[in-house]
C-alpha atoms as a PDB file:
ATOM      1  CA  MET A   1     183.904  50.084  28.338  1.00  0.00           C
ATOM      2  CA  ALA A   2     183.346  49.803  24.545  1.00  0.00           C
ATOM      3  CA  LYS A   3     180.248  52.260  24.809  1.00  0.00           C
ATOM      4  CA  ALA A   4     182.668  54.710  26.872  1.00  0.00           C
ATOM      5  CA  GLY A   5     185.404  54.326  24.385  1.00  0.00           C
ATOM      6  CA  MET A   6     182.685  55.028  21.341  1.00  0.00           C
ATOM      7  CA  SER A   7     181.327  58.046  23.154  1.00  0.00           C
ATOM      8  CA  ALA A   8     184.658  59.609  23.638  1.00  0.00           C
ATOM      9  CA  ALA A   9     185.508  59.278  20.188  1.00  0.00           C
ATOM     10  CA  ALA A  10     182.431  60.836  19.055  1.00  0.00           C
ATOM     11  CA  VAL A  11     183.194  63.685  21.330  1.00  0.00           C
ATOM     12  CA  ALA A  12     186.775  63.963  19.836  1.00  0.00           C
ATOM     13  CA  LEU A  13     185.282  64.010  16.244  1.00  0.00           C
ATOM     14  CA  LEU A  14     182.691  66.726  17.075  1.00  0.00           C
ATOM     15  CA  LEU A  15     185.433  68.785  18.553  1.00  0.00           C
ATOM     16  CA  LEU A  16     187.553  68.251  15.509  1.00  0.00           C
ATOM     17  CA  LEU A  17     184.611  69.085  13.215  1.00  0.00           C
ATOM     18  CA  GLY A  18     184.070  72.267  15.179  1.00  0.00           C
ATOM     19  CA  PHE A  19     187.327  73.418  15.176  1.00  0.00           C
ATOM     20  CA  LEU A  20     187.674  72.994  11.306  1.00  0.00           C
ATOM     21  CA  SER A  21     184.678  74.990  10.877  1.00  0.00           C
ATOM     22  CA  VAL A  22     185.736  77.827  12.720  1.00  0.00           C
ATOM     23  CA  SER A  23     189.188  78.049  11.992  1.00  0.00           C
ATOM     24  CA  PRO A  24     188.790  79.410   8.423  1.00  0.00           C
ATOM     25  CA  VAL A  25     186.812  82.282   9.529  1.00  0.00           C
ATOM     26  CA  HIS A  26     189.347  82.922  12.187  1.00  0.00           C
ATOM     27  CA  ALA A  27     192.119  82.861   9.634  1.00  0.00           C
ATOM     28  CA  ASP A  28     190.247  85.126   7.158  1.00  0.00           C
ATOM     29  CA  SER A  29     190.036  87.658  10.142  1.00  0.00           C
ATOM     30  CA  LEU A  30     193.735  88.083  10.576  1.00  0.00           C
ATOM     31  CA  LEU A  31     195.743  90.834   9.088  1.00  0.00           C
ATOM     32  CA  SER A  32     198.743  90.073   6.975  1.00  0.00           C
ATOM     33  CA  ALA A  33     202.326  91.671   8.450  1.00  0.00           C
ATOM     34  CA  PRO A  34     203.360  94.911   6.822  1.00  0.00           C
ATOM     35  CA  LEU A  35     205.615  94.351   3.879  1.00  0.00           C
ATOM     36  CA  ASN A  36     208.773  96.189   2.730  1.00  0.00           C
ATOM     37  CA  VAL A  37     209.575  97.763   5.842  1.00  0.00           C
ATOM     38  CA  THR A  38     212.408 100.302   5.217  1.00  0.00           C
ATOM     39  CA  ILE A  39     214.226 102.858   7.175  1.00  0.00           C
ATOM     40  CA  ARG A  40     214.865 106.247   5.509  1.00  0.00           C
ATOM     41  CA  GLU A  41     216.238 109.630   6.521  1.00  0.00           C
ATOM     42  CA  ILE A  42     218.694 108.010   9.033  1.00  0.00           C
ATOM     43  CA  GLU A  43     219.963 111.371  10.983  1.00  0.00           C
ATOM     44  CA  VAL A  44     222.089 111.263  14.040  1.00  0.00           C
ATOM     45  CA  ASN A  45     218.895 111.246  16.417  1.00  0.00           C
ATOM     46  CA  SER A  46     215.946 110.514  14.169  1.00  0.00           C
ATOM     47  CA  ALA A  47     214.908 108.371  11.220  1.00  0.00           C
ATOM     48  CA  VAL A  48     211.771 107.625   9.400  1.00  0.00           C
ATOM     49  CA  VAL A  49     210.258 104.034   9.269  1.00  0.00           C
ATOM     50  CA  THR A  50     207.938 103.283   6.354  1.00  0.00           C
ATOM     51  CA  TRP A  51     206.185 100.205   5.034  1.00  0.00           C
ATOM     52  CA  GLU A  52     203.283  98.747   2.643  1.00  0.00           C
ATOM     53  CA  ILE A  53     200.258  96.665   3.426  1.00  0.00           C
ATOM     54  CA  LEU A  54     198.356  94.251   1.327  1.00  0.00           C
ATOM     55  CA  GLU A  55     195.464  95.566  -0.501  1.00  0.00           C
ATOM     56  CA  GLY A  56     192.194  94.917   0.975  1.00  0.00           C
ATOM     57  CA  ASP A  57     193.234  94.656   4.796  1.00  0.00           C
ATOM     58  CA  PRO A  58     191.083  96.460   7.067  1.00  0.00           C
ATOM     59  CA  VAL A  59     193.898  98.560   8.375  1.00  0.00           C
ATOM     60  CA  ILE A  60     192.963 101.556  10.802  1.00  0.00           C
ATOM     61  CA  GLY A  61     196.330 102.069  12.450  1.00  0.00           C
ATOM     62  CA  PHE A  62     199.805 100.584  13.324  1.00  0.00           C
ATOM     63  CA  ALA A  63     202.078  99.773  16.065  1.00  0.00           C
ATOM     64  CA  ILE A  64     205.899  99.985  16.044  1.00  0.00           C
ATOM     65  CA  THR A  65     208.514  98.367  18.648  1.00  0.00           C
ATOM     66  CA  GLN A  66     212.018 100.157  18.815  1.00  0.00           C
ATOM     67  CA  GLN A  67     214.500  98.432  20.781  1.00  0.00           C
ATOM     68  CA  LYS A  68     218.317  99.103  21.105  1.00  0.00           C
ATOM     69  CA  LYS A  69     220.268  96.114  20.020  1.00  0.00           C
ATOM     70  CA  ASP A  70     221.360  93.901  22.903  1.00  0.00           C
ATOM     71  CA  VAL A  71     219.053  95.894  25.181  1.00  0.00           C
ATOM     72  CA  ARG A  72     215.883  94.532  26.494  1.00  0.00           C
ATOM     73  CA  MET A  73     214.160  98.045  26.951  1.00  0.00           C
ATOM     74  CA  LEU A  74     211.474  98.794  24.306  1.00  0.00           C
ATOM     75  CA  ARG A  75     209.972 101.861  23.042  1.00  0.00           C
ATOM     76  CA  PHE A  76     206.148 100.937  21.660  1.00  0.00           C
ATOM     77  CA  ILE A  77     204.632 103.852  19.186  1.00  0.00           C
ATOM     78  CA  GLN A  78     200.806 103.106  18.424  1.00  0.00           C
ATOM     79  CA  GLU A  79     198.564 105.215  16.238  1.00  0.00           C
ATOM     80  CA  VAL A  80     195.100 104.468  15.247  1.00  0.00           C
ATOM     81  CA  ASN A  81     192.430 106.098  13.035  1.00  0.00           C
ATOM     82  CA  THR A  82     195.296 106.766  10.284  1.00  0.00           C
ATOM     83  CA  THR A  83     196.266 105.698   6.775  1.00  0.00           C
ATOM     84  CA  THR A  84     199.485 106.770   7.190  1.00  0.00           C
ATOM     85  CA  ARG A  85     202.488 104.196   6.326  1.00  0.00           C
ATOM     86  CA  SER A  86     205.307 105.811   7.723  1.00  0.00           C
ATOM     87  CA  CYS A  87     206.606 107.186  11.286  1.00  0.00           C
ATOM     88  CA  ALA A  88     209.272 109.348  12.613  1.00  0.00           C
ATOM     89  CA  LEU A  89     211.475 107.896  15.089  1.00  0.00           C
ATOM     90  CA  TRP A  90     212.913 110.433  17.452  1.00  0.00           C
ATOM     91  CA  ASP A  91     215.310 110.971  20.549  1.00  0.00           C
ATOM     92  CA  LEU A  92     217.526 108.221  18.959  1.00  0.00           C
ATOM     93  CA  ASP A  93     221.631 107.724  20.206  1.00  0.00           C
ATOM     94  CA  GLU A  94     224.071 108.696  17.862  1.00  0.00           C
ATOM     95  CA  ASP A  95     226.091 105.463  16.525  1.00  0.00           C
ATOM     96  CA  THR A  96     223.583 103.014  17.937  1.00  0.00           C
ATOM     97  CA  GLU A  97     221.905 100.014  16.563  1.00  0.00           C
ATOM     98  CA  TYR A  98     218.333  99.859  16.682  1.00  0.00           C
ATOM     99  CA  ILE A  99     215.634  97.120  15.644  1.00  0.00           C
ATOM    100  CA  ILE A 100     212.338  97.853  14.594  1.00  0.00           C
ATOM    101  CA  HIS A 101     209.111  95.467  14.051  1.00  0.00           C
ATOM    102  CA  VAL A 102     205.836  96.903  12.563  1.00  0.00           C
ATOM    103  CA  GLN A 103     202.298  95.755  13.126  1.00  0.00           C
ATOM    104  CA  SER A 104     199.043  96.694  11.445  1.00  0.00           C
ATOM    105  CA  ILE A 105     195.941  97.261  13.424  1.00  0.00           C
ATOM    106  CA  SER A 106     192.260  96.778  12.628  1.00  0.00           C
ATOM    107  CA  MET A 107     188.970  96.427  14.479  1.00  0.00           C
ATOM    108  CA  ALA A 108     189.763  92.915  15.269  1.00  0.00           C
ATOM    109  CA  GLY A 109     193.111  93.194  16.499  1.00  0.00           C
ATOM    110  CA  SER A 110     196.797  93.438  15.581  1.00  0.00           C
ATOM    111  CA  SER A 111     198.712  91.537  12.655  1.00  0.00           C
ATOM    112  CA  PRO A 112     201.742  89.493  13.276  1.00  0.00           C
ATOM    113  CA  ALA A 113     204.913  91.703  13.605  1.00  0.00           C
ATOM    114  CA  SER A 114     207.040  92.114  10.192  1.00  0.00           C
ATOM    115  CA  GLU A 115     210.308  90.951   9.854  1.00  0.00           C
ATOM    116  CA  PRO A 116     212.926  92.990  12.067  1.00  0.00           C
ATOM    117  CA  ILE A 117     214.778  95.610  10.571  1.00  0.00           C
ATOM    118  CA  LEU A 118     218.051  96.581  11.816  1.00  0.00           C
ATOM    119  CA  PHE A 119     219.664  99.919  11.485  1.00  0.00           C
ATOM    120  CA  ARG A 120     222.546 102.294  12.800  1.00  0.00           C
ATOM    121  CA  THR A 121     222.573 105.961  13.607  1.00  0.00           C
ATOM    122  CA  PRO A 122     225.819 107.665  12.613  1.00  0.00           C
ATOM    123  CA  LYS A 123     228.071 109.706  14.568  1.00  0.00           C
ATOM    124  CA  GLU A 124     227.849 113.322  14.489  1.00  0.00           C
ATOM    125  CA  SER A 125     231.316 113.668  12.968  1.00  0.00           C
ATOM    126  CA  GLU A 126     230.255 111.011  10.161  1.00  0.00           C
ATOM    127  CA  LYS A 127     227.369 113.130   9.580  1.00  0.00           C
ATOM    128  CA  MET A 128     229.075 116.422   8.983  1.00  0.00           C
ATOM    129  CA  ALA A 129     231.799 114.657   6.856  1.00  0.00           C
ATOM    130  CA  SER A 130     229.194 113.269   4.458  1.00  0.00           C
ATOM    131  CA  LYS A 131     227.712 116.699   4.039  1.00  0.00           C
ATOM    132  CA  SER A 132     228.882 118.838   1.359  1.00  0.00           C
ATOM    133  CA  PRO A 133     230.435 122.139   1.912  1.00  0.00           C
ATOM    134  CA  ASP A 134     227.548 123.967   0.806  1.00  0.00           C
ATOM    135  CA  GLU A 135     225.263 122.066   3.001  1.00  0.00           C
ATOM    136  CA  VAL A 136     227.267 122.777   5.990  1.00  0.00           C
ATOM    137  CA  MET A 137     227.348 126.575   4.854  1.00  0.00           C
ATOM    138  CA  MET A 138     223.743 126.761   4.473  1.00  0.00           C
ATOM    139  CA  GLU A 139     223.435 125.139   7.907  1.00  0.00           C
ATOM    140  CA  GLU A 140     225.763 127.484   9.437  1.00  0.00           C
ATOM    141  CA  PHE A 141     224.011 130.515   7.782  1.00  0.00           C
ATOM    142  CA  GLY A 142     220.584 129.082   9.163  1.00  0.00           C
ATOM    143  CA  HIS A 143     221.993 129.015  12.601  1.00  0.00           C
ATOM    144  CA  ALA A 144     223.389 132.485  12.353  1.00  0.00           C
ATOM    145  CA  ALA A 145     220.182 134.029  10.862  1.00  0.00           C
ATOM    146  CA  GLN A 146     218.360 132.570  13.978  1.00  0.00           C
ATOM    147  CA  LEU A 147     220.827 134.077  16.197  1.00  0.00           C
ATOM    148  CA  ARG A 148     220.575 137.562  14.640  1.00  0.00           C
ATOM    149  CA  ALA A 149     217.033 137.424  14.727  1.00  0.00           C
ATOM    150  CA  GLY A 150     217.118 136.825  18.488  1.00  0.00           C
ATOM    151  CA  GLU A 151     219.421 139.522  18.874  1.00  0.00           C
ATOM    152  CA  LEU A 152     217.399 141.800  17.183  1.00  0.00           C
ATOM    153  CA  ILE A 153     214.212 140.846  18.853  1.00  0.00           C
ATOM    154  CA  ILE A 154     216.117 141.428  22.387  1.00  0.00           C
ATOM    155  CA  ILE A 155     217.470 144.844  20.974  1.00  0.00           C
ATOM    156  CA  VAL A 156     213.769 145.795  19.941  1.00  0.00           C
ATOM    157  CA  VAL A 157     212.562 145.046  23.370  1.00  0.00           C
ATOM    158  CA  VAL A 158     215.336 147.129  25.134  1.00  0.00           C
ATOM    159  CA  LEU A 159     214.779 150.164  22.860  1.00  0.00           C
ATOM    160  CA  ILE A 160     211.068 150.070  23.451  1.00  0.00           C
ATOM    161  CA  MET A 161     211.605 149.738  27.365  1.00  0.00           C
ATOM    162  CA  TRP A 162     214.064 152.576  27.156  1.00  0.00           C
ATOM    163  CA  ALA A 163     211.607 154.731  25.079  1.00  0.00           C
ATOM    164  CA  GLY A 164     209.016 153.987  27.548  1.00  0.00           C
ATOM    165  CA  VAL A 165     211.392 155.250  30.512  1.00  0.00           C
ATOM    166  CA  ILE A 166     212.182 158.458  28.646  1.00  0.00           C
ATOM    167  CA  VAL A 167     208.447 159.103  27.584  1.00  0.00           C
ATOM    168  CA  LEU A 168     207.575 158.796  31.350  1.00  0.00           C
ATOM    169  CA  PHE A 169     210.495 160.889  32.563  1.00  0.00           C
ATOM    170  CA  CYS A 170     209.401 163.794  29.936  1.00  0.00           C
ATOM    171  CA  ARG A 171     205.740 163.688  31.174  1.00  0.00           C
ATOM    172  CA  GLN A 172     207.035 164.139  34.976  1.00  0.00           C
ATOM    173  CA  TYR A 173     209.397 166.971  33.816  1.00  0.00           C
ATOM    174  CA  ASP A 174     206.568 168.780  32.175  1.00  0.00           C
ATOM    175  CA  ILE A 175     204.471 168.617  35.124  1.00  0.00           C
ATOM    176  CA  ILE A 176     207.136 169.781  37.463  1.00  0.00           C
ATOM    177  CA  LYS A 177     207.951 172.609  35.045  1.00  0.00           C
ATOM    178  CA  ASP A 178     204.207 173.714  34.868  1.00  0.00           C
ATOM    179  CA  ASN A 179     204.115 173.565  38.762  1.00  0.00           C
ATOM    180  CA  GLU A 180     207.049 176.048  39.080  1.00  0.00           C
ATOM    181  CA  PRO A 181     205.341 179.460  38.120  1.00  0.00           C
ATOM    182  CA  ASN A 182     202.518 178.946  40.599  1.00  0.00           C
ATOM    183  CA  ASN A 183     205.390 178.030  43.474  1.00  0.00           C
ATOM    184  CA  ASN A 184     207.049 181.407  42.504  1.00  0.00           C
ATOM    185  CA  LYS A 185     204.036 183.389  42.641  1.00  0.00           C
ATOM    186  CA  ASP A 186     203.231 181.867  46.034  1.00  0.00           C
ATOM    187  CA  LYS A 187     206.719 182.377  47.409  1.00  0.00           C
ATOM    188  CA  ALA A 188     206.687 185.927  45.823  1.00  0.00           C
ATOM    189  CA  LYS A 189     203.318 186.943  47.810  1.00  0.00           C
ATOM    190  CA  THR A 190     204.530 185.310  50.900  1.00  0.00           C
ATOM    191  CA  SER A 191     207.981 187.311  50.831  1.00  0.00           C
ATOM    192  CA  SER A 192     206.052 190.506  50.280  1.00  0.00           C
ATOM    193  CA  GLU A 193     203.400 189.740  52.958  1.00  0.00           C
ATOM    194  CA  CYS A 194     206.410 189.395  55.390  1.00  0.00           C
ATOM    195  CA  SER A 195     208.781 192.406  54.432  1.00  0.00           C
ATOM    196  CA  THR A 196     206.017 194.973  54.552  1.00  0.00           C
ATOM    197  CA  PRO A 197     203.812 194.491  57.584  1.00  0.00           C
ATOM    198  CA  GLU A 198     200.730 196.767  57.732  1.00  0.00           C
ATOM    199  CA  HIS A 199     199.715 199.166  60.541  1.00  0.00           C
ATOM    200  CA  PRO A 200     196.607 198.589  62.411  1.00  0.00           C
ATOM    201  CA  GLN A 201     195.200 201.802  61.334  1.00  0.00           C
ATOM    202  CA  GLY A 202     196.247 201.161  57.738  1.00  0.00           C
ATOM    203  CA  GLY A 203     199.712 203.365  57.475  1.00  0.00           C
ATOM    204  CA  LEU A 204     203.075 201.869  57.740  1.00  0.00           C
ATOM    205  CA  LEU A 205     205.105 201.910  60.615  1.00  0.00           C
ATOM    206  CA  ARG A 206     207.699 204.928  60.992  1.00  0.00           C
ATOM    207  CA  SER A 207     210.468 205.407  63.512  1.00  0.00           C
ATOM    208  CA  ASN A 208     210.438 208.768  65.486  1.00  0.00           C
ATOM    209  CA  VAL A 209     213.368 210.925  65.350  1.00  0.00           C
END
């Protein structure tokens, strides 16, 4: 029993030494969580998330989890082979709270998630109220310019189609007009042959009085 207890203690000691010798290497391979995660350019249906990383971390990409508050459904965004430190969030709902986590990605794996960031998208009416009259006027002018450009394109296409129809009609009319003299000659020839029939001996038929 004493020998069995000593051997078990020796095995436990060896395992502990092995763990201590391996754990520092494993700790060095871990990435740090992204820092200073910030939400910028918050719009009704979009926003931009930015972050920083520790200098020296072998980061090759990022992963973002996007979640509506009090809703379990997640949206996962991941991109590798990039050095960017920002990402656009799209297709958001207005007047909705979202929770964002960011992770760094390396060849060895992913970092811990960043601290959660909570933000809310504004209502359309709030966004319009926060804009200055000049900004509203510029947006309306831009929309009007787009509509006018679309209308001009439609008008140009219709005019080109009508021009093609007119050119085709003129060509057909010229062909018909060119064929009319030939048709008139054929009709005149046929009429003369029918009105003055020839006598078998070459003379005209005359009636005897």
